[in-house]
């Protein structure tokens, strides 16, 4: 096993995730997890799939390239990518990850702004006179 890779997406974010034998480190865009996502609740979103299948202290390194969107969308894209990689590693992990909905692509996107309106649906105040 050289590398196992998968792609995760959420909103405008795309994460390419690579798994290889190693020491258990998580690198995101060349930085450690705690440096790239300094907030603990976002870090837990990223590591949730590993905790679900019991590989948090594993012998695998996770290397991630993520681009686009904000930090929350990026974290959820990474979570989906890690889940897909773990299934490629061992098909038995699918049941636990599917129960927590880590494999479901959240298709919600930002609605585009319409002309003649300040936002997508908001209108200017109506005045009859």
N, C-alpha and C. Protein backbone atom coordinates (compact mmCIF):
# COMPACT_ATOMS: atom_id res chain seq x y z
N UNK A 1 0.84 -1.19 0.00
CA UNK A 1 0.00 0.00 0.00
C UNK A 1 0.87 1.23 0.00
N UNK A 2 0.84 1.97 -1.08
CA UNK A 2 1.60 3.22 -1.16
C UNK A 2 0.75 4.37 -0.64
N UNK A 3 -0.28 4.69 -1.36
CA UNK A 3 -1.23 5.74 -0.97
C UNK A 3 -2.64 5.27 -1.27
N UNK A 4 -3.59 5.69 -0.44
CA UNK A 4 -5.01 5.55 -0.76
C UNK A 4 -5.53 6.98 -0.79
N UNK A 5 -6.28 7.34 -1.83
CA UNK A 5 -6.76 8.71 -1.90
C UNK A 5 -8.25 8.76 -2.18
N UNK A 6 -8.86 9.89 -1.79
CA UNK A 6 -10.28 10.13 -2.02
C UNK A 6 -10.53 11.62 -2.01
N UNK A 7 -11.71 12.02 -2.47
CA UNK A 7 -12.07 13.42 -2.54
C UNK A 7 -13.31 13.65 -1.69
N UNK A 8 -13.32 14.75 -0.93
CA UNK A 8 -14.50 15.16 -0.16
C UNK A 8 -14.88 16.57 -0.57
N UNK A 9 -16.19 16.84 -0.60
CA UNK A 9 -16.66 18.17 -1.01
C UNK A 9 -17.72 18.67 -0.04
N UNK A 10 -17.78 20.00 0.12
CA UNK A 10 -18.82 20.64 0.91
C UNK A 10 -18.84 22.11 0.53
N UNK A 11 -20.01 22.64 0.17
CA UNK A 11 -20.16 24.02 -0.30
C UNK A 11 -19.16 24.28 -1.42
N UNK A 12 -18.26 25.24 -1.25
CA UNK A 12 -17.29 25.54 -2.31
C UNK A 12 -15.94 24.89 -2.05
N UNK A 13 -15.85 24.03 -1.05
CA UNK A 13 -14.57 23.43 -0.65
C UNK A 13 -14.38 22.05 -1.27
N UNK A 14 -13.15 21.78 -1.66
CA UNK A 14 -12.78 20.47 -2.19
C UNK A 14 -11.54 20.01 -1.43
N UNK A 15 -11.59 18.82 -0.87
CA UNK A 15 -10.47 18.27 -0.12
C UNK A 15 -10.00 16.98 -0.78
N UNK A 16 -8.71 16.91 -1.09
CA UNK A 16 -8.10 15.67 -1.58
C UNK A 16 -7.34 15.05 -0.41
N UNK A 17 -7.70 13.84 -0.05
CA UNK A 17 -7.18 13.18 1.14
C UNK A 17 -6.34 11.97 0.73
N UNK A 18 -5.14 11.86 1.30
CA UNK A 18 -4.23 10.74 1.04
C UNK A 18 -3.91 10.06 2.36
N UNK A 19 -3.94 8.73 2.35
CA UNK A 19 -3.64 7.94 3.53
C UNK A 19 -2.44 7.06 3.24
N UNK A 20 -1.48 7.02 4.16
CA UNK A 20 -0.31 6.15 3.99
C UNK A 20 0.16 5.67 5.36
N UNK A 21 0.96 4.63 5.35
CA UNK A 21 1.54 4.12 6.59
C UNK A 21 2.44 5.20 7.18
N UNK A 22 2.39 5.36 8.50
CA UNK A 22 3.22 6.38 9.12
C UNK A 22 3.05 6.39 10.63
N UNK A 23 3.08 7.61 11.18
CA UNK A 23 3.09 7.78 12.64
C UNK A 23 1.77 8.27 13.21
N UNK A 24 0.80 8.56 12.38
CA UNK A 24 -0.50 9.02 12.87
C UNK A 24 -0.68 10.53 12.81
N UNK A 25 0.13 11.22 12.01
CA UNK A 25 0.01 12.68 11.92
C UNK A 25 -1.02 13.07 10.87
N UNK A 26 -1.59 14.26 11.04
CA UNK A 26 -2.55 14.81 10.08
C UNK A 26 -1.99 16.13 9.58
N UNK A 27 -1.70 16.20 8.28
CA UNK A 27 -1.16 17.41 7.65
C UNK A 27 -2.20 17.98 6.71
N UNK A 28 -2.51 19.27 6.86
CA UNK A 28 -3.46 19.94 5.97
C UNK A 28 -2.73 21.09 5.29
N UNK A 29 -2.63 21.03 3.98
CA UNK A 29 -1.90 22.04 3.19
C UNK A 29 -0.51 22.30 3.76
N UNK A 30 0.17 21.25 4.17
CA UNK A 30 1.54 21.36 4.67
C UNK A 30 1.66 21.78 6.12
N UNK A 31 0.55 21.99 6.81
CA UNK A 31 0.59 22.41 8.22
C UNK A 31 -0.05 21.33 9.08
N UNK A 32 0.35 21.23 10.35
CA UNK A 32 -0.33 20.29 11.25
C UNK A 32 -1.79 20.69 11.47
N UNK A 33 -2.60 19.74 11.87
CA UNK A 33 -4.03 19.97 12.06
C UNK A 33 -4.30 21.12 13.03
N UNK A 34 -3.59 21.16 14.16
CA UNK A 34 -3.84 22.19 15.18
C UNK A 34 -3.46 23.58 14.70
N UNK A 35 -2.55 23.66 13.75
CA UNK A 35 -2.14 24.96 13.22
C UNK A 35 -3.10 25.43 12.12
N UNK A 36 -3.58 24.52 11.29
CA UNK A 36 -4.47 24.91 10.19
C UNK A 36 -5.87 25.22 10.70
N UNK A 37 -6.39 24.37 11.61
CA UNK A 37 -7.69 24.60 12.24
C UNK A 37 -7.46 24.79 13.73
N UNK A 38 -7.21 26.04 14.20
CA UNK A 38 -6.88 26.24 15.61
C UNK A 38 -8.05 26.02 16.57
N UNK A 39 -9.29 26.07 16.10
CA UNK A 39 -10.44 25.92 16.99
C UNK A 39 -10.71 24.44 17.28
N UNK A 40 -10.85 24.09 18.56
CA UNK A 40 -11.00 22.66 18.93
C UNK A 40 -12.25 22.01 18.35
N UNK A 41 -13.37 22.74 18.24
CA UNK A 41 -14.58 22.11 17.72
C UNK A 41 -14.45 21.81 16.22
N UNK A 42 -13.64 22.56 15.50
CA UNK A 42 -13.40 22.27 14.09
C UNK A 42 -12.42 21.09 13.97
N UNK A 43 -11.43 21.02 14.86
CA UNK A 43 -10.49 19.89 14.85
C UNK A 43 -11.23 18.58 15.10
N UNK A 44 -12.22 18.62 16.01
CA UNK A 44 -12.95 17.39 16.31
C UNK A 44 -13.79 16.95 15.11
N UNK A 45 -14.28 17.92 14.32
CA UNK A 45 -15.03 17.58 13.09
C UNK A 45 -14.14 16.79 12.13
N UNK A 46 -12.87 17.20 12.03
CA UNK A 46 -11.94 16.55 11.12
C UNK A 46 -11.59 15.14 11.60
N UNK A 47 -11.41 14.98 12.90
CA UNK A 47 -10.97 13.68 13.43
C UNK A 47 -12.11 12.73 13.78
N UNK A 48 -13.37 13.18 13.65
CA UNK A 48 -14.52 12.33 13.97
C UNK A 48 -14.52 10.98 13.25
N UNK A 49 -14.25 10.92 11.93
CA UNK A 49 -14.25 9.60 11.28
C UNK A 49 -13.21 8.65 11.86
N UNK A 50 -12.05 9.17 12.23
CA UNK A 50 -11.01 8.32 12.82
C UNK A 50 -11.44 7.78 14.17
N UNK A 51 -12.11 8.62 14.99
CA UNK A 51 -12.60 8.16 16.28
C UNK A 51 -13.73 7.15 16.12
N UNK A 52 -14.55 7.34 15.11
CA UNK A 52 -15.69 6.44 14.88
C UNK A 52 -15.22 5.02 14.60
N UNK A 53 -14.16 4.88 13.79
CA UNK A 53 -13.68 3.54 13.45
C UNK A 53 -12.57 3.05 14.37
N UNK A 54 -12.13 3.90 15.32
CA UNK A 54 -11.13 3.49 16.30
C UNK A 54 -9.70 3.55 15.79
N UNK A 55 -9.40 4.44 14.88
CA UNK A 55 -8.04 4.57 14.35
C UNK A 55 -7.37 5.88 14.77
N UNK A 56 -7.81 6.49 15.89
CA UNK A 56 -7.25 7.79 16.26
C UNK A 56 -5.77 7.73 16.63
N UNK A 57 -5.31 6.62 17.19
CA UNK A 57 -3.89 6.47 17.51
C UNK A 57 -3.27 5.47 16.53
N UNK A 58 -3.58 5.65 15.28
CA UNK A 58 -3.24 4.64 14.27
C UNK A 58 -1.83 4.82 13.74
N UNK A 59 -1.47 3.89 12.88
CA UNK A 59 -0.16 3.90 12.23
C UNK A 59 -0.25 4.49 10.84
N UNK A 60 -1.27 5.33 10.61
CA UNK A 60 -1.47 5.94 9.29
C UNK A 60 -1.30 7.44 9.36
N UNK A 61 -0.63 8.00 8.35
CA UNK A 61 -0.54 9.45 8.18
C UNK A 61 -1.64 9.89 7.23
N UNK A 62 -2.25 11.03 7.51
CA UNK A 62 -3.28 11.60 6.65
C UNK A 62 -2.73 12.90 6.09
N UNK A 63 -2.63 12.98 4.78
CA UNK A 63 -2.15 14.19 4.10
C UNK A 63 -3.32 14.75 3.30
N UNK A 64 -3.61 16.04 3.51
CA UNK A 64 -4.81 16.63 2.93
C UNK A 64 -4.45 17.91 2.20
N UNK A 65 -4.98 18.05 0.98
CA UNK A 65 -4.94 19.32 0.25
C UNK A 65 -6.37 19.80 0.15
N UNK A 66 -6.63 20.99 0.68
CA UNK A 66 -8.00 21.52 0.67
C UNK A 66 -7.97 22.93 0.12
N UNK A 67 -8.99 23.27 -0.69
CA UNK A 67 -9.06 24.61 -1.25
C UNK A 67 -10.50 25.04 -1.40
N UNK A 68 -10.72 26.35 -1.40
CA UNK A 68 -12.04 26.92 -1.61
C UNK A 68 -12.86 26.97 -0.34
N UNK A 69 -13.79 27.92 -0.30
CA UNK A 69 -14.72 28.00 0.82
C UNK A 69 -14.11 28.55 2.09
N UNK A 70 -14.84 28.42 3.17
CA UNK A 70 -14.41 28.87 4.49
C UNK A 70 -13.95 27.71 5.34
N UNK A 71 -13.61 28.00 6.60
CA UNK A 71 -13.02 26.96 7.44
C UNK A 71 -14.03 25.86 7.77
N UNK A 72 -15.31 26.20 7.95
CA UNK A 72 -16.30 25.16 8.28
C UNK A 72 -16.54 24.25 7.09
N UNK A 73 -16.69 24.82 5.90
CA UNK A 73 -16.88 24.01 4.70
C UNK A 73 -15.66 23.15 4.42
N UNK A 74 -14.47 23.71 4.65
CA UNK A 74 -13.24 22.94 4.45
C UNK A 74 -13.17 21.78 5.43
N UNK A 75 -13.53 22.03 6.69
CA UNK A 75 -13.47 20.96 7.70
C UNK A 75 -14.44 19.83 7.35
N UNK A 76 -15.62 20.16 6.88
CA UNK A 76 -16.59 19.11 6.53
C UNK A 76 -16.20 18.39 5.25
N UNK A 77 -15.53 19.09 4.34
CA UNK A 77 -15.02 18.43 3.13
C UNK A 77 -13.92 17.44 3.51
N UNK A 78 -13.06 17.84 4.44
CA UNK A 78 -11.98 16.96 4.91
C UNK A 78 -12.59 15.74 5.61
N UNK A 79 -13.62 15.97 6.42
CA UNK A 79 -14.27 14.85 7.12
C UNK A 79 -14.82 13.83 6.14
N UNK A 80 -15.45 14.30 5.08
CA UNK A 80 -16.00 13.39 4.08
C UNK A 80 -14.89 12.65 3.35
N UNK A 81 -13.80 13.35 3.02
CA UNK A 81 -12.66 12.72 2.34
C UNK A 81 -12.01 11.64 3.18
N UNK A 82 -11.83 11.93 4.47
CA UNK A 82 -11.24 10.93 5.38
C UNK A 82 -12.15 9.71 5.48
N UNK A 83 -13.46 9.94 5.55
CA UNK A 83 -14.40 8.82 5.63
C UNK A 83 -14.31 7.93 4.40
N UNK A 84 -14.21 8.55 3.23
CA UNK A 84 -14.12 7.77 1.99
C UNK A 84 -12.82 6.99 1.91
N UNK A 85 -11.73 7.58 2.39
CA UNK A 85 -10.43 6.89 2.40
C UNK A 85 -10.48 5.69 3.34
N UNK A 86 -11.11 5.85 4.50
CA UNK A 86 -11.19 4.75 5.46
C UNK A 86 -11.98 3.58 4.91
N UNK A 87 -13.01 3.86 4.10
CA UNK A 87 -13.79 2.79 3.49
C UNK A 87 -12.96 2.04 2.46
N UNK A 88 -12.12 2.79 1.72
CA UNK A 88 -11.23 2.12 0.77
C UNK A 88 -10.21 1.25 1.51
N UNK A 89 -9.82 1.68 2.71
CA UNK A 89 -8.87 0.91 3.52
C UNK A 89 -9.52 -0.38 4.02
N UNK A 90 -10.75 -0.27 4.55
CA UNK A 90 -11.44 -1.44 5.10
C UNK A 90 -12.95 -1.24 4.92
N UNK A 91 -13.58 -2.09 4.17
CA UNK A 91 -15.01 -1.97 3.86
C UNK A 91 -15.89 -2.12 5.10
N UNK A 92 -15.37 -2.73 6.16
CA UNK A 92 -16.16 -2.93 7.38
C UNK A 92 -16.44 -1.62 8.11
N UNK A 93 -15.68 -0.57 7.81
CA UNK A 93 -15.88 0.72 8.47
C UNK A 93 -17.13 1.45 7.96
N UNK A 94 -17.70 0.99 6.84
CA UNK A 94 -18.81 1.71 6.20
C UNK A 94 -20.01 1.88 7.13
N UNK A 95 -20.37 0.84 7.87
CA UNK A 95 -21.59 0.87 8.68
C UNK A 95 -21.56 2.01 9.70
N UNK A 96 -20.48 2.11 10.47
CA UNK A 96 -20.39 3.16 11.49
C UNK A 96 -20.34 4.56 10.91
N UNK A 97 -19.62 4.71 9.79
CA UNK A 97 -19.51 6.03 9.16
C UNK A 97 -20.83 6.44 8.52
N UNK A 98 -21.54 5.47 7.97
CA UNK A 98 -22.82 5.78 7.32
C UNK A 98 -23.88 6.17 8.35
N UNK A 99 -23.84 5.53 9.53
CA UNK A 99 -24.79 5.87 10.61
C UNK A 99 -24.63 7.31 11.06
N UNK A 100 -23.41 7.80 11.08
CA UNK A 100 -23.15 9.19 11.48
C UNK A 100 -23.25 10.17 10.32
N UNK A 101 -23.62 9.67 9.14
CA UNK A 101 -23.82 10.48 7.93
C UNK A 101 -22.56 11.20 7.45
N UNK A 102 -21.39 10.58 7.66
CA UNK A 102 -20.14 11.16 7.18
C UNK A 102 -19.94 10.90 5.69
N UNK A 103 -20.71 9.99 5.12
CA UNK A 103 -20.55 9.65 3.71
C UNK A 103 -21.56 10.37 2.81
N UNK A 104 -22.49 11.11 3.42
CA UNK A 104 -23.52 11.79 2.65
C UNK A 104 -23.03 13.17 2.24
N UNK A 105 -23.11 13.44 0.95
CA UNK A 105 -22.69 14.75 0.43
C UNK A 105 -23.79 15.75 0.73
N UNK A 106 -23.48 16.79 1.49
CA UNK A 106 -24.43 17.85 1.79
C UNK A 106 -24.48 18.79 0.59
N UNK A 107 -25.56 18.74 -0.18
CA UNK A 107 -25.62 19.43 -1.47
C UNK A 107 -26.02 20.89 -1.37
N UNK A 108 -26.22 21.41 -0.16
CA UNK A 108 -26.66 22.80 -0.04
C UNK A 108 -25.56 23.76 -0.50
N UNK A 109 -25.93 24.66 -1.37
CA UNK A 109 -25.01 25.68 -1.90
C UNK A 109 -25.63 27.05 -1.68
N UNK A 110 -24.84 28.09 -1.80
CA UNK A 110 -25.34 29.45 -1.66
C UNK A 110 -26.14 29.80 -2.91
N UNK A 111 -27.33 30.35 -2.70
CA UNK A 111 -28.17 30.75 -3.82
C UNK A 111 -27.63 32.02 -4.44
N UNK A 112 -27.69 32.12 -5.76
CA UNK A 112 -27.11 33.28 -6.43
C UNK A 112 -27.95 34.53 -6.21
N UNK A 113 -27.30 35.68 -6.28
CA UNK A 113 -27.99 36.96 -6.16
C UNK A 113 -28.76 37.25 -7.44
N UNK A 114 -30.02 37.74 -7.29
CA UNK A 114 -30.83 38.09 -8.45
C UNK A 114 -30.73 39.59 -8.71
N UNK A 115 -30.89 39.99 -9.97
CA UNK A 115 -30.82 41.41 -10.31
C UNK A 115 -32.04 42.13 -9.74
N UNK A 116 -31.87 43.36 -9.38
CA UNK A 116 -32.97 44.15 -8.83
C UNK A 116 -33.25 43.86 -7.38
N UNK A 117 -32.42 43.07 -6.75
CA UNK A 117 -32.58 42.75 -5.34
C UNK A 117 -31.24 42.89 -4.64
N UNK A 118 -31.26 43.22 -3.34
CA UNK A 118 -29.99 43.38 -2.63
C UNK A 118 -29.29 42.05 -2.34
N UNK A 119 -30.06 40.97 -2.16
CA UNK A 119 -29.50 39.63 -1.93
C UNK A 119 -30.26 38.65 -2.80
N UNK A 120 -30.18 37.36 -2.50
CA UNK A 120 -30.83 36.36 -3.34
C UNK A 120 -32.36 36.51 -3.32
N UNK A 121 -32.94 36.72 -2.15
CA UNK A 121 -34.40 36.80 -2.04
C UNK A 121 -34.89 38.08 -1.39
N UNK A 122 -34.04 38.76 -0.66
CA UNK A 122 -34.43 39.99 0.04
C UNK A 122 -34.82 41.07 -0.98
N UNK A 123 -35.89 41.81 -0.67
CA UNK A 123 -36.32 42.88 -1.53
C UNK A 123 -36.17 44.21 -0.81
N UNK A 124 -36.18 45.28 -1.56
CA UNK A 124 -36.16 46.60 -0.97
C UNK A 124 -37.53 46.88 -0.36
N UNK A 125 -37.58 47.81 0.61
CA UNK A 125 -38.83 48.12 1.29
C UNK A 125 -39.85 48.67 0.30
N UNK A 126 -41.08 48.14 0.39
CA UNK A 126 -42.13 48.56 -0.53
C UNK A 126 -42.82 49.82 0.03
N UNK A 127 -43.00 50.80 -0.82
CA UNK A 127 -43.71 52.01 -0.41
C UNK A 127 -44.81 52.28 -1.43
N UNK A 128 -46.06 52.28 -0.96
CA UNK A 128 -47.17 52.48 -1.89
C UNK A 128 -47.24 53.95 -2.33
N UNK A 129 -46.89 54.88 -1.44
CA UNK A 129 -46.92 56.31 -1.79
C UNK A 129 -45.55 56.92 -1.61
